[in-house]
């Protein structure tokens, strides 16, 4: 099976709710890609995949999970000189308040 020819760091964010904020701190310009588990599998197999994010020229970068599900974050050096040191902070969305009837 083929694999990406560039170095990357994978963060398994597990199940996340829509509205969760993923904050990534980097020490160099790199690609930051938030994707579903299915798209992560496609990324590893060098197939077309979809993601949220892109080139992070500033740090920190904040991405918002668009829907409930299993999410993965990739920091990669494709098109850049080095793999950045990275740290990830996940902040869940505020709890939904129920209205009294």
N, C-alpha and C. Protein backbone atom coordinates (compact mmCIF):
# COMPACT_ATOMS: atom_id res chain seq x y z
N UNK A 1 0.85 -1.17 0.00
CA UNK A 1 0.00 0.00 0.00
C UNK A 1 0.89 1.24 0.00
N UNK A 2 0.55 2.23 -0.82
CA UNK A 2 1.29 3.48 -0.87
C UNK A 2 1.02 4.31 0.38
N UNK A 3 1.94 5.21 0.67
CA UNK A 3 1.80 6.11 1.81
C UNK A 3 2.38 7.46 1.42
N UNK A 4 1.97 8.53 2.10
CA UNK A 4 2.53 9.85 1.77
C UNK A 4 4.05 9.83 1.85
N UNK A 5 4.71 10.54 0.93
CA UNK A 5 6.17 10.58 0.89
C UNK A 5 6.73 11.66 1.80
N UNK A 6 5.87 12.46 2.41
CA UNK A 6 6.31 13.54 3.30
C UNK A 6 5.96 13.16 4.74
N UNK A 7 6.66 13.81 5.67
CA UNK A 7 6.41 13.53 7.09
C UNK A 7 5.15 14.25 7.55
N UNK A 8 4.45 13.60 8.47
CA UNK A 8 3.25 14.22 9.05
C UNK A 8 3.05 13.72 10.47
N UNK A 9 2.30 14.48 11.24
CA UNK A 9 1.92 14.10 12.60
C UNK A 9 0.41 13.95 12.62
N UNK A 10 -0.06 12.83 13.17
CA UNK A 10 -1.48 12.52 13.22
C UNK A 10 -1.99 12.66 14.65
N UNK A 11 -3.10 13.37 14.80
CA UNK A 11 -3.80 13.46 16.09
C UNK A 11 -5.18 12.85 15.91
N UNK A 12 -5.47 11.78 16.63
CA UNK A 12 -6.80 11.16 16.61
C UNK A 12 -7.66 11.91 17.62
N UNK A 13 -8.59 12.73 17.12
CA UNK A 13 -9.43 13.54 18.00
C UNK A 13 -10.65 12.78 18.50
N UNK A 14 -10.85 11.57 18.01
CA UNK A 14 -11.96 10.70 18.40
C UNK A 14 -13.30 11.39 18.11
N UNK A 15 -14.33 11.03 18.82
CA UNK A 15 -15.64 11.62 18.58
C UNK A 15 -15.72 13.05 19.07
N UNK A 16 -16.15 13.95 18.21
CA UNK A 16 -16.30 15.36 18.55
C UNK A 16 -17.67 15.84 18.09
N UNK A 17 -18.19 16.83 18.81
CA UNK A 17 -19.47 17.43 18.45
C UNK A 17 -19.25 18.62 17.53
N UNK A 18 -20.26 18.90 16.71
CA UNK A 18 -20.23 20.09 15.86
C UNK A 18 -20.01 21.32 16.74
N UNK A 19 -19.18 22.23 16.28
CA UNK A 19 -18.89 23.45 17.03
C UNK A 19 -17.66 23.37 17.90
N UNK A 20 -17.09 22.17 18.05
CA UNK A 20 -15.84 22.02 18.80
C UNK A 20 -14.75 22.81 18.10
N UNK A 21 -13.94 23.53 18.87
CA UNK A 21 -12.83 24.31 18.31
C UNK A 21 -11.53 23.54 18.53
N UNK A 22 -10.79 23.35 17.44
CA UNK A 22 -9.49 22.69 17.49
C UNK A 22 -8.44 23.77 17.26
N UNK A 23 -7.62 24.02 18.27
CA UNK A 23 -6.58 25.05 18.19
C UNK A 23 -5.22 24.37 18.06
N UNK A 24 -4.49 24.73 17.01
CA UNK A 24 -3.20 24.11 16.73
C UNK A 24 -2.11 25.18 16.80
N UNK A 25 -1.10 24.92 17.61
CA UNK A 25 0.05 25.81 17.75
C UNK A 25 1.24 25.16 17.04
N UNK A 26 1.91 25.94 16.18
CA UNK A 26 3.03 25.45 15.39
C UNK A 26 4.25 26.35 15.58
N UNK A 27 5.46 25.80 15.34
CA UNK A 27 6.67 26.63 15.39
C UNK A 27 7.22 26.90 14.00
N UNK A 28 6.49 26.48 12.95
CA UNK A 28 6.91 26.72 11.56
C UNK A 28 5.67 26.63 10.68
N UNK A 29 5.77 27.16 9.46
CA UNK A 29 4.67 27.05 8.50
C UNK A 29 4.52 25.59 8.08
N UNK A 30 3.31 25.07 8.21
CA UNK A 30 2.98 23.70 7.80
C UNK A 30 1.53 23.67 7.36
N UNK A 31 1.12 22.54 6.83
CA UNK A 31 -0.29 22.31 6.49
C UNK A 31 -0.99 21.75 7.72
N UNK A 32 -2.19 22.25 7.97
CA UNK A 32 -3.02 21.74 9.06
C UNK A 32 -4.33 21.30 8.43
N UNK A 33 -4.68 20.03 8.60
CA UNK A 33 -5.84 19.46 7.92
C UNK A 33 -6.71 18.70 8.92
N UNK A 34 -7.94 19.14 9.04
CA UNK A 34 -8.93 18.49 9.89
C UNK A 34 -9.83 17.67 8.97
N UNK A 35 -9.97 16.36 9.26
CA UNK A 35 -10.72 15.49 8.36
C UNK A 35 -11.40 14.36 9.12
N UNK A 36 -12.39 13.80 8.47
CA UNK A 36 -13.09 12.64 9.03
C UNK A 36 -12.17 11.42 8.96
N UNK A 37 -12.57 10.35 9.64
CA UNK A 37 -11.78 9.12 9.62
C UNK A 37 -11.70 8.54 8.21
N UNK A 38 -12.79 8.60 7.46
CA UNK A 38 -12.78 8.09 6.09
C UNK A 38 -11.80 8.86 5.21
N UNK A 39 -11.78 10.17 5.37
CA UNK A 39 -10.84 10.98 4.59
C UNK A 39 -9.40 10.77 5.05
N UNK A 40 -9.20 10.50 6.33
CA UNK A 40 -7.84 10.20 6.80
C UNK A 40 -7.34 8.91 6.15
N UNK A 41 -8.22 7.93 6.04
CA UNK A 41 -7.83 6.68 5.37
C UNK A 41 -7.45 6.95 3.92
N UNK A 42 -8.22 7.79 3.24
CA UNK A 42 -7.92 8.15 1.84
C UNK A 42 -6.59 8.91 1.76
N UNK A 43 -6.33 9.80 2.72
CA UNK A 43 -5.05 10.53 2.79
C UNK A 43 -3.89 9.55 2.85
N UNK A 44 -4.00 8.54 3.73
CA UNK A 44 -2.93 7.55 3.90
C UNK A 44 -2.73 6.71 2.65
N UNK A 45 -3.79 6.51 1.87
CA UNK A 45 -3.72 5.68 0.67
C UNK A 45 -3.43 6.50 -0.59
N UNK A 46 -3.13 7.79 -0.42
CA UNK A 46 -2.81 8.70 -1.52
C UNK A 46 -3.96 8.87 -2.50
N UNK A 47 -5.18 8.79 -1.99
CA UNK A 47 -6.37 9.03 -2.80
C UNK A 47 -6.86 10.45 -2.55
N UNK A 48 -7.76 10.94 -3.39
CA UNK A 48 -8.34 12.26 -3.15
C UNK A 48 -9.06 12.25 -1.81
N UNK A 49 -8.92 13.33 -1.06
CA UNK A 49 -9.57 13.42 0.24
C UNK A 49 -9.99 14.86 0.48
N UNK A 50 -10.93 15.03 1.39
CA UNK A 50 -11.44 16.35 1.74
C UNK A 50 -11.01 16.69 3.16
N UNK A 51 -10.81 17.98 3.40
CA UNK A 51 -10.39 18.42 4.72
C UNK A 51 -10.75 19.88 4.92
N UNK A 52 -10.66 20.32 6.16
CA UNK A 52 -10.82 21.73 6.53
C UNK A 52 -9.44 22.20 6.96
N UNK A 53 -9.04 23.38 6.52
CA UNK A 53 -7.73 23.92 6.89
C UNK A 53 -6.93 24.25 5.67
N UNK A 54 -5.62 24.08 5.77
CA UNK A 54 -4.70 24.41 4.69
C UNK A 54 -3.37 24.84 5.26
N UNK A 55 -2.67 25.72 4.53
CA UNK A 55 -1.37 26.20 4.98
C UNK A 55 -1.57 27.14 6.16
N UNK A 56 -0.93 26.82 7.28
CA UNK A 56 -1.01 27.66 8.48
C UNK A 56 0.22 28.55 8.52
N UNK A 57 0.04 29.82 8.15
CA UNK A 57 1.16 30.77 8.14
C UNK A 57 1.28 31.49 9.48
N UNK A 58 0.21 31.46 10.28
CA UNK A 58 0.21 32.08 11.61
C UNK A 58 -0.12 31.01 12.63
N UNK A 59 0.32 31.23 13.83
CA UNK A 59 0.03 30.30 14.91
C UNK A 59 -0.47 31.10 16.11
N UNK A 60 -1.49 30.64 16.79
CA UNK A 60 -2.21 29.38 16.55
C UNK A 60 -3.24 29.54 15.43
N UNK A 61 -3.67 28.42 14.92
CA UNK A 61 -4.75 28.36 13.94
C UNK A 61 -5.91 27.65 14.62
N UNK A 62 -7.11 28.14 14.37
CA UNK A 62 -8.31 27.55 14.98
C UNK A 62 -9.23 27.03 13.88
N UNK A 63 -9.65 25.79 14.02
CA UNK A 63 -10.58 25.16 13.09
C UNK A 63 -11.80 24.71 13.87
N UNK A 64 -12.97 24.78 13.24
CA UNK A 64 -14.22 24.39 13.90
C UNK A 64 -14.74 23.11 13.27
N UNK A 65 -15.04 22.13 14.10
CA UNK A 65 -15.61 20.86 13.65
C UNK A 65 -17.01 21.15 13.11
N UNK A 66 -17.29 20.81 11.84
CA UNK A 66 -18.58 21.17 11.25
C UNK A 66 -19.75 20.26 11.60
N UNK A 67 -19.46 19.02 11.99
CA UNK A 67 -20.54 18.08 12.31
C UNK A 67 -20.05 17.04 13.29
N UNK A 68 -20.98 16.44 14.02
CA UNK A 68 -20.64 15.38 14.97
C UNK A 68 -19.99 14.23 14.22
N UNK A 69 -18.98 13.60 14.84
CA UNK A 69 -18.37 12.43 14.24
C UNK A 69 -16.95 12.20 14.72
N UNK A 70 -16.29 11.24 14.07
CA UNK A 70 -14.90 10.90 14.38
C UNK A 70 -14.00 11.81 13.54
N UNK A 71 -13.07 12.52 14.19
CA UNK A 71 -12.24 13.51 13.49
C UNK A 71 -10.76 13.24 13.73
N UNK A 72 -9.98 13.61 12.74
CA UNK A 72 -8.52 13.47 12.77
C UNK A 72 -7.90 14.79 12.36
N UNK A 73 -6.76 15.10 12.95
CA UNK A 73 -6.02 16.29 12.58
C UNK A 73 -4.64 15.86 12.10
N UNK A 74 -4.23 16.41 10.97
CA UNK A 74 -2.92 16.12 10.41
C UNK A 74 -2.15 17.43 10.33
N UNK A 75 -0.91 17.41 10.80
CA UNK A 75 0.04 18.50 10.57
C UNK A 75 1.10 17.89 9.67
N UNK A 76 1.28 18.48 8.48
CA UNK A 76 2.24 17.88 7.55
C UNK A 76 3.12 18.93 6.88
N UNK A 77 4.24 18.44 6.36
CA UNK A 77 5.25 19.32 5.77
C UNK A 77 5.21 19.32 4.25
N UNK A 78 4.18 18.77 3.62
CA UNK A 78 4.12 18.76 2.16
C UNK A 78 4.27 20.18 1.62
N UNK A 79 5.30 20.41 0.81
CA UNK A 79 5.56 21.73 0.26
C UNK A 79 6.36 22.65 1.16
N UNK A 80 6.80 22.15 2.33
CA UNK A 80 7.55 22.97 3.29
C UNK A 80 8.85 22.26 3.64
N UNK A 81 9.75 22.96 4.33
CA UNK A 81 11.10 22.44 4.58
C UNK A 81 11.20 21.47 5.74
N UNK A 82 10.42 21.69 6.79
CA UNK A 82 10.52 20.83 7.99
C UNK A 82 9.13 20.54 8.52
N UNK A 83 9.03 19.48 9.31
CA UNK A 83 7.79 19.19 10.02
C UNK A 83 7.80 20.02 11.30
N UNK A 84 6.81 20.86 11.46
CA UNK A 84 6.75 21.75 12.63
C UNK A 84 6.48 20.95 13.90
N UNK A 85 6.99 21.46 15.01
CA UNK A 85 6.55 20.98 16.32
C UNK A 85 5.12 21.51 16.47
N UNK A 86 4.23 20.70 17.01
CA UNK A 86 2.84 21.11 17.10
C UNK A 86 2.22 20.68 18.42
N UNK A 87 1.22 21.44 18.81
CA UNK A 87 0.43 21.11 20.00
C UNK A 87 -1.02 21.38 19.65
N UNK A 88 -1.93 20.56 20.19
CA UNK A 88 -3.34 20.67 19.86
C UNK A 88 -4.16 20.80 21.14
N UNK A 89 -5.09 21.75 21.11
CA UNK A 89 -6.03 21.94 22.22
C UNK A 89 -7.44 21.84 21.64
N UNK A 90 -8.29 21.03 22.27
CA UNK A 90 -9.66 20.84 21.80
C UNK A 90 -10.60 21.45 22.83
N UNK A 91 -11.47 22.37 22.36
CA UNK A 91 -12.43 23.03 23.25
C UNK A 91 -13.84 22.69 22.77
N UNK A 92 -14.59 21.91 23.57
CA UNK A 92 -15.95 21.53 23.16
C UNK A 92 -16.85 22.76 23.09
N UNK A 93 -17.92 22.66 22.29
CA UNK A 93 -18.87 23.77 22.24
C UNK A 93 -19.62 23.89 23.56
N UNK A 94 -20.19 25.07 23.83
CA UNK A 94 -20.96 25.22 25.07
C UNK A 94 -22.12 24.23 25.10
N UNK A 95 -22.49 23.82 26.29
CA UNK A 95 -23.63 22.91 26.45
C UNK A 95 -24.90 23.62 26.01
N UNK A 96 -25.80 22.87 25.42
CA UNK A 96 -27.07 23.42 24.97
C UNK A 96 -27.99 23.56 26.18
N UNK A 97 -28.56 24.75 26.34
CA UNK A 97 -29.49 25.00 27.45
C UNK A 97 -30.89 24.59 27.03
N UNK A 98 -31.59 23.86 27.89
CA UNK A 98 -32.99 23.48 27.61
C UNK A 98 -33.89 24.60 28.13
N UNK A 99 -34.91 24.89 27.35
CA UNK A 99 -35.89 25.91 27.76
C UNK A 99 -36.95 25.28 28.65
N UNK A 100 -37.34 26.00 29.68
CA UNK A 100 -38.42 25.52 30.55
C UNK A 100 -39.74 25.71 29.81
N UNK A 101 -40.65 24.72 29.93
CA UNK A 101 -41.94 24.87 29.23
C UNK A 101 -42.99 25.39 30.15
